[in-house]
Amino acid sequence: GERRFAWCKGYCAGVRVWTPQGALTVSPPAGTRPVGWVRGAFSPDDRMVALALRTGDGVRAAVVDLATGGWRVISEAPLGGYRSMAWSPSGEWLVFTASQRRLMGWQRVAQHALELPARPGGTVMSVATARP
């Protein structure tokens, strides 16, 4: 299949992204820095990549629009558990683990996150979405 990569080196002042459409560097918002030890996730259409950012109040999920280089920090909940994230097959939802053993869903169209009605009963180690 197609190869896609996002990586940073050292202090992670920027993130290098490579998709079949080409390579680019995206810089995080002021006052934040990418967290390289959290696995990111590309949207199914390769238009966005979800990454983790260290902000003043913890580690947050963030979504980068690869066409514009714009970032959207998902402020509704800090990442938690094993800090996992995955896109739905349609690319309309990003599901991620949050603090206090919660699963959150960020809706791409509405640009907000909400708690999902799942109660894992432990620390979520991985998130996967099913293909229809």
N, C-alpha and C. Protein backbone atom coordinates (compact mmCIF):
# COMPACT_ATOMS: atom_id res chain seq x y z
N GLY A 1 0.82 -1.19 0.00
CA GLY A 1 0.00 0.00 0.00
C GLY A 1 0.86 1.25 0.00
N GLU A 2 0.21 2.38 0.10
CA GLU A 2 0.91 3.65 0.12
C GLU A 2 1.61 3.84 1.45
N ARG A 3 2.76 4.49 1.41
CA ARG A 3 3.53 4.74 2.62
C ARG A 3 3.31 6.17 3.07
N ARG A 4 3.10 6.34 4.38
CA ARG A 4 2.92 7.66 4.97
C ARG A 4 3.73 7.70 6.26
N PHE A 5 4.42 8.81 6.49
CA PHE A 5 5.25 8.94 7.68
C PHE A 5 5.12 10.35 8.25
N ALA A 6 5.18 10.44 9.55
CA ALA A 6 5.32 11.72 10.24
C ALA A 6 6.38 11.50 11.31
N TRP A 7 7.34 12.38 11.39
CA TRP A 7 8.41 12.20 12.36
C TRP A 7 8.99 13.54 12.76
N CYS A 8 9.68 13.52 13.88
CA CYS A 8 10.42 14.69 14.32
C CYS A 8 11.73 14.20 14.93
N LYS A 9 12.65 15.11 15.09
CA LYS A 9 13.97 14.75 15.59
C LYS A 9 14.35 15.73 16.69
N GLY A 10 14.95 15.22 17.72
CA GLY A 10 15.42 16.08 18.80
C GLY A 10 14.27 16.73 19.55
N TYR A 11 14.34 18.04 19.74
CA TYR A 11 13.35 18.77 20.51
C TYR A 11 12.01 18.89 19.78
N CYS A 12 11.93 18.51 18.55
CA CYS A 12 10.69 18.51 17.77
C CYS A 12 10.12 19.91 17.59
N ALA A 13 10.89 20.80 17.02
CA ALA A 13 10.39 22.14 16.73
C ALA A 13 9.39 22.11 15.57
N GLY A 14 9.48 21.09 14.75
CA GLY A 14 8.55 20.92 13.64
C GLY A 14 8.40 19.44 13.34
N VAL A 15 7.39 19.12 12.59
CA VAL A 15 7.13 17.73 12.23
C VAL A 15 7.30 17.59 10.72
N ARG A 16 8.07 16.61 10.31
CA ARG A 16 8.21 16.30 8.89
C ARG A 16 7.17 15.26 8.54
N VAL A 17 6.48 15.49 7.43
CA VAL A 17 5.42 14.59 6.99
C VAL A 17 5.71 14.19 5.55
N TRP A 18 5.60 12.90 5.28
CA TRP A 18 5.75 12.42 3.92
C TRP A 18 4.54 11.56 3.58
N THR A 19 3.92 11.90 2.47
CA THR A 19 2.84 11.10 1.91
C THR A 19 3.15 10.92 0.44
N PRO A 20 2.43 10.09 -0.26
CA PRO A 20 2.67 9.95 -1.70
C PRO A 20 2.52 11.28 -2.46
N GLN A 21 1.83 12.25 -1.87
CA GLN A 21 1.68 13.55 -2.51
C GLN A 21 2.92 14.44 -2.33
N GLY A 22 3.83 14.06 -1.44
CA GLY A 22 5.05 14.85 -1.25
C GLY A 22 5.40 15.00 0.21
N ALA A 23 6.47 15.77 0.45
CA ALA A 23 6.97 15.98 1.80
C ALA A 23 6.79 17.44 2.20
N LEU A 24 6.57 17.65 3.50
CA LEU A 24 6.49 19.00 4.02
C LEU A 24 6.84 19.00 5.49
N THR A 25 7.13 20.19 6.02
CA THR A 25 7.38 20.38 7.44
C THR A 25 6.28 21.27 7.98
N VAL A 26 5.66 20.87 9.08
CA VAL A 26 4.63 21.67 9.71
C VAL A 26 5.11 22.09 11.09
N SER A 27 4.94 23.37 11.41
CA SER A 27 5.37 23.91 12.69
C SER A 27 4.19 23.98 13.64
N PRO A 28 4.37 23.57 14.89
CA PRO A 28 3.26 23.58 15.85
C PRO A 28 2.92 25.00 16.28
N PRO A 29 1.75 25.17 16.90
CA PRO A 29 1.37 26.49 17.41
C PRO A 29 2.37 26.98 18.46
N ALA A 30 2.48 28.29 18.60
CA ALA A 30 3.37 28.89 19.60
C ALA A 30 3.05 28.35 20.98
N GLY A 31 4.09 28.09 21.76
CA GLY A 31 3.91 27.62 23.13
C GLY A 31 3.65 26.13 23.26
N THR A 32 3.71 25.39 22.15
CA THR A 32 3.51 23.94 22.17
C THR A 32 4.69 23.27 21.49
N ARG A 33 4.78 21.97 21.68
CA ARG A 33 5.77 21.19 20.91
C ARG A 33 5.23 19.80 20.69
N PRO A 34 5.53 19.22 19.54
CA PRO A 34 5.08 17.85 19.26
C PRO A 34 5.70 16.86 20.23
N VAL A 35 4.96 15.81 20.50
CA VAL A 35 5.42 14.73 21.37
C VAL A 35 5.66 13.53 20.48
N GLY A 36 6.90 13.14 20.33
CA GLY A 36 7.25 12.08 19.40
C GLY A 36 6.95 10.68 19.87
N TRP A 37 6.72 10.47 21.16
CA TRP A 37 6.49 9.12 21.66
C TRP A 37 5.04 8.71 21.62
N VAL A 38 4.17 9.54 21.08
CA VAL A 38 2.76 9.19 20.89
C VAL A 38 2.55 8.89 19.42
N ARG A 39 1.95 7.74 19.12
CA ARG A 39 1.72 7.38 17.72
C ARG A 39 0.64 8.28 17.13
N GLY A 40 0.94 8.85 15.99
CA GLY A 40 -0.03 9.66 15.27
C GLY A 40 -0.88 8.79 14.37
N ALA A 41 -1.80 9.43 13.66
CA ALA A 41 -2.68 8.69 12.76
C ALA A 41 -3.06 9.59 11.58
N PHE A 42 -2.88 9.08 10.36
CA PHE A 42 -3.29 9.79 9.17
C PHE A 42 -4.76 9.53 8.90
N SER A 43 -5.48 10.56 8.46
CA SER A 43 -6.87 10.38 8.07
C SER A 43 -6.89 9.51 6.82
N PRO A 44 -7.99 8.80 6.56
CA PRO A 44 -8.04 7.90 5.40
C PRO A 44 -7.80 8.60 4.06
N ASP A 45 -8.13 9.89 3.97
CA ASP A 45 -7.91 10.62 2.72
C ASP A 45 -6.56 11.33 2.65
N ASP A 46 -5.70 11.13 3.64
CA ASP A 46 -4.37 11.74 3.72
C ASP A 46 -4.40 13.25 3.82
N ARG A 47 -5.53 13.84 4.11
CA ARG A 47 -5.60 15.30 4.22
C ARG A 47 -5.21 15.81 5.59
N MET A 48 -5.28 14.94 6.60
CA MET A 48 -4.98 15.35 7.97
C MET A 48 -4.15 14.29 8.66
N VAL A 49 -3.41 14.74 9.66
CA VAL A 49 -2.70 13.81 10.53
C VAL A 49 -2.96 14.25 11.96
N ALA A 50 -3.27 13.28 12.80
CA ALA A 50 -3.47 13.54 14.23
C ALA A 50 -2.16 13.25 14.94
N LEU A 51 -1.73 14.18 15.77
CA LEU A 51 -0.48 14.06 16.51
C LEU A 51 -0.73 14.48 17.95
N ALA A 52 0.27 14.35 18.79
CA ALA A 52 0.17 14.80 20.17
C ALA A 52 1.04 16.03 20.35
N LEU A 53 0.53 16.98 21.13
CA LEU A 53 1.26 18.20 21.45
C LEU A 53 1.35 18.37 22.95
N ARG A 54 2.52 18.80 23.41
CA ARG A 54 2.64 19.19 24.81
C ARG A 54 2.25 20.67 24.87
N THR A 55 1.26 20.95 25.69
CA THR A 55 0.79 22.32 25.88
C THR A 55 1.04 22.71 27.33
N GLY A 56 0.65 23.91 27.71
CA GLY A 56 0.83 24.35 29.08
C GLY A 56 0.05 23.54 30.09
N ASP A 57 -0.99 22.84 29.64
CA ASP A 57 -1.80 22.07 30.57
C ASP A 57 -1.83 20.58 30.26
N GLY A 58 -0.76 20.05 29.70
CA GLY A 58 -0.66 18.62 29.47
C GLY A 58 -0.45 18.25 28.02
N VAL A 59 -0.62 16.97 27.72
CA VAL A 59 -0.47 16.46 26.36
C VAL A 59 -1.85 16.37 25.74
N ARG A 60 -2.02 17.01 24.60
CA ARG A 60 -3.32 17.08 23.92
C ARG A 60 -3.21 16.47 22.52
N ALA A 61 -4.32 15.95 22.04
CA ALA A 61 -4.40 15.53 20.64
C ALA A 61 -4.51 16.79 19.80
N ALA A 62 -3.93 16.75 18.63
CA ALA A 62 -4.01 17.87 17.70
C ALA A 62 -4.14 17.31 16.30
N VAL A 63 -4.82 18.05 15.45
CA VAL A 63 -5.03 17.63 14.07
C VAL A 63 -4.40 18.68 13.16
N VAL A 64 -3.59 18.21 12.21
CA VAL A 64 -2.92 19.11 11.26
C VAL A 64 -3.57 18.94 9.90
N ASP A 65 -4.01 20.04 9.31
CA ASP A 65 -4.51 20.06 7.94
C ASP A 65 -3.28 20.12 7.04
N LEU A 66 -3.01 19.07 6.30
CA LEU A 66 -1.78 19.00 5.53
C LEU A 66 -1.77 19.92 4.31
N ALA A 67 -2.93 20.38 3.87
CA ALA A 67 -2.99 21.32 2.75
C ALA A 67 -2.59 22.72 3.19
N THR A 68 -2.99 23.11 4.39
CA THR A 68 -2.74 24.48 4.87
C THR A 68 -1.64 24.56 5.91
N GLY A 69 -1.32 23.43 6.57
CA GLY A 69 -0.36 23.45 7.67
C GLY A 69 -0.99 23.95 8.97
N GLY A 70 -2.30 24.17 8.97
CA GLY A 70 -2.98 24.65 10.16
C GLY A 70 -3.20 23.55 11.19
N TRP A 71 -3.10 23.91 12.44
CA TRP A 71 -3.27 22.98 13.56
C TRP A 71 -4.57 23.27 14.30
N ARG A 72 -5.23 22.24 14.79
CA ARG A 72 -6.39 22.36 15.68
C ARG A 72 -6.07 21.53 16.91
N VAL A 73 -5.83 22.19 18.03
CA VAL A 73 -5.57 21.50 19.29
C VAL A 73 -6.92 21.12 19.88
N ILE A 74 -7.08 19.86 20.20
CA ILE A 74 -8.33 19.37 20.77
C ILE A 74 -8.24 19.56 22.28
N SER A 75 -8.87 20.63 22.75
CA SER A 75 -8.71 21.04 24.14
C SER A 75 -9.69 20.40 25.10
N GLU A 76 -10.69 19.67 24.60
CA GLU A 76 -11.72 19.13 25.48
C GLU A 76 -11.21 18.09 26.47
N ALA A 77 -10.12 17.40 26.18
CA ALA A 77 -9.61 16.39 27.10
C ALA A 77 -8.13 16.12 26.82
N PRO A 78 -7.31 15.99 27.88
CA PRO A 78 -5.92 15.61 27.67
C PRO A 78 -5.82 14.14 27.27
N LEU A 79 -4.78 13.82 26.53
CA LEU A 79 -4.54 12.42 26.19
C LEU A 79 -4.21 11.66 27.45
N GLY A 80 -4.60 10.39 27.50
CA GLY A 80 -4.34 9.58 28.66
C GLY A 80 -4.17 8.13 28.26
N GLY A 81 -4.09 7.25 29.24
CA GLY A 81 -3.87 5.84 28.95
C GLY A 81 -2.55 5.67 28.21
N TYR A 82 -2.59 4.92 27.15
CA TYR A 82 -1.39 4.75 26.34
C TYR A 82 -1.36 5.75 25.19
N ARG A 83 -2.22 6.75 25.25
CA ARG A 83 -2.26 7.86 24.30
C ARG A 83 -2.40 7.35 22.87
N SER A 84 -3.47 6.61 22.64
CA SER A 84 -3.74 6.02 21.33
C SER A 84 -4.75 6.85 20.58
N MET A 85 -4.67 6.83 19.25
CA MET A 85 -5.64 7.52 18.42
C MET A 85 -5.81 6.82 17.09
N ALA A 86 -7.02 6.90 16.53
CA ALA A 86 -7.30 6.28 15.23
C ALA A 86 -8.45 7.04 14.58
N TRP A 87 -8.43 7.13 13.25
CA TRP A 87 -9.51 7.74 12.48
C TRP A 87 -10.56 6.70 12.14
N SER A 88 -11.81 7.14 12.06
CA SER A 88 -12.86 6.26 11.56
C SER A 88 -12.62 6.05 10.07
N PRO A 89 -13.13 4.97 9.49
CA PRO A 89 -12.93 4.73 8.05
C PRO A 89 -13.42 5.88 7.16
N SER A 90 -14.46 6.60 7.59
CA SER A 90 -14.97 7.73 6.80
C SER A 90 -14.09 8.96 6.95
N GLY A 91 -13.24 9.01 7.98
CA GLY A 91 -12.41 10.17 8.24
C GLY A 91 -13.15 11.29 8.94
N GLU A 92 -14.38 11.06 9.35
CA GLU A 92 -15.17 12.09 10.02
C GLU A 92 -14.93 12.15 11.52
N TRP A 93 -14.39 11.09 12.11
CA TRP A 93 -14.15 11.04 13.55
C TRP A 93 -12.72 10.62 13.83
N LEU A 94 -12.13 11.26 14.82
CA LEU A 94 -10.87 10.82 15.39
C LEU A 94 -11.20 10.32 16.79
N VAL A 95 -10.86 9.09 17.08
CA VAL A 95 -11.09 8.50 18.40
C VAL A 95 -9.75 8.46 19.12
N PHE A 96 -9.75 8.90 20.39
CA PHE A 96 -8.49 8.88 21.14
C PHE A 96 -8.75 8.58 22.61
N THR A 97 -7.70 8.10 23.28
CA THR A 97 -7.81 7.81 24.70
C THR A 97 -7.55 9.09 25.47
N ALA A 98 -8.34 9.29 26.51
CA ALA A 98 -8.22 10.49 27.34
C ALA A 98 -7.93 10.09 28.77
N SER A 99 -7.63 11.09 29.59
CA SER A 99 -7.37 10.81 31.00
C SER A 99 -8.62 10.24 31.65
N GLN A 100 -8.43 9.68 32.82
CA GLN A 100 -9.50 9.07 33.61
C GLN A 100 -10.20 7.93 32.87
N ARG A 101 -9.42 7.18 32.08
CA ARG A 101 -9.90 5.97 31.40
C ARG A 101 -11.12 6.22 30.52
N ARG A 102 -11.05 7.29 29.76
CA ARG A 102 -12.15 7.65 28.87
C ARG A 102 -11.72 7.53 27.42
N LEU A 103 -12.72 7.32 26.56
CA LEU A 103 -12.52 7.40 25.12
C LEU A 103 -13.24 8.65 24.62
N MET A 104 -12.57 9.40 23.77
CA MET A 104 -13.14 10.62 23.23
C MET A 104 -13.24 10.48 21.71
N GLY A 105 -14.20 11.17 21.15
CA GLY A 105 -14.34 11.24 19.71
C GLY A 105 -14.37 12.69 19.27
N TRP A 106 -13.49 13.06 18.35
CA TRP A 106 -13.45 14.41 17.80
C TRP A 106 -14.11 14.37 16.44
N GLN A 107 -15.15 15.16 16.29
CA GLN A 107 -15.89 15.18 15.02
C GLN A 107 -15.30 16.25 14.12
N ARG A 108 -14.83 15.82 12.96
CA ARG A 108 -14.14 16.70 12.02
C ARG A 108 -15.02 17.87 11.57
N VAL A 109 -16.29 17.61 11.27
CA VAL A 109 -17.17 18.66 10.78
C VAL A 109 -17.50 19.67 11.88
N ALA A 110 -17.83 19.19 13.05
CA ALA A 110 -18.23 20.07 14.14
C ALA A 110 -17.04 20.70 14.86
N GLN A 111 -15.85 20.14 14.68
CA GLN A 111 -14.63 20.65 15.30
C GLN A 111 -14.69 20.64 16.83
N HIS A 112 -15.30 19.61 17.41
CA HIS A 112 -15.29 19.48 18.86
C HIS A 112 -15.23 18.00 19.23
N ALA A 113 -14.83 17.75 20.47
CA ALA A 113 -14.73 16.38 20.95
C ALA A 113 -15.79 16.13 22.01
N LEU A 114 -16.21 14.87 22.09
CA LEU A 114 -17.14 14.48 23.13
C LEU A 114 -16.75 13.11 23.66
N GLU A 115 -17.16 12.86 24.89
CA GLU A 115 -16.85 11.57 25.51
C GLU A 115 -17.72 10.49 24.89
N LEU A 116 -17.11 9.37 24.52
CA LEU A 116 -17.85 8.26 23.94
C LEU A 116 -18.44 7.39 25.05
N PRO A 117 -19.58 6.76 24.80
CA PRO A 117 -20.25 5.98 25.85
C PRO A 117 -19.65 4.60 26.06
N ALA A 118 -18.34 4.52 26.10
CA ALA A 118 -17.67 3.24 26.33
C ALA A 118 -16.99 3.32 27.69
N ARG A 119 -17.07 2.27 28.44
CA ARG A 119 -16.42 2.20 29.75
C ARG A 119 -15.47 1.01 29.74
N PRO A 120 -14.22 1.25 29.34
CA PRO A 120 -13.28 0.13 29.21
C PRO A 120 -12.98 -0.58 30.53
N GLY A 121 -13.06 0.10 31.66
CA GLY A 121 -12.79 -0.55 32.94
C GLY A 121 -11.31 -0.72 33.22
N GLY A 122 -10.47 -0.10 32.44
CA GLY A 122 -9.03 -0.17 32.63
C GLY A 122 -8.36 0.83 31.71
N THR A 123 -7.05 0.76 31.63
CA THR A 123 -6.30 1.67 30.77
C THR A 123 -6.39 1.19 29.33
N VAL A 124 -6.80 2.06 28.45
CA VAL A 124 -6.90 1.72 27.02
C VAL A 124 -5.51 1.75 26.42
N MET A 125 -5.09 0.64 25.82
CA MET A 125 -3.76 0.53 25.26
C MET A 125 -3.73 0.82 23.77
N SER A 126 -4.83 0.58 23.09
CA SER A 126 -4.84 0.73 21.64
C SER A 126 -6.25 1.06 21.19
N VAL A 127 -6.36 1.82 20.11
CA VAL A 127 -7.65 2.16 19.52
C VAL A 127 -7.60 1.76 18.06
N ALA A 128 -8.62 1.08 17.60
CA ALA A 128 -8.73 0.73 16.19
C ALA A 128 -10.17 0.95 15.77
N THR A 129 -10.37 1.30 14.54
CA THR A 129 -11.73 1.47 14.02
C THR A 129 -11.95 0.43 12.94
N ALA A 130 -13.15 -0.06 12.84
CA ALA A 130 -13.47 -1.12 11.88
C ALA A 130 -13.85 -0.55 10.54
N ARG A 131 -13.51 -1.25 9.51
CA ARG A 131 -13.95 -0.89 8.15
C ARG A 131 -15.32 -1.50 7.94
N PRO A 132 -16.23 -0.75 7.28
CA PRO A 132 -17.58 -1.31 7.07
C PRO A 132 -17.57 -2.51 6.14
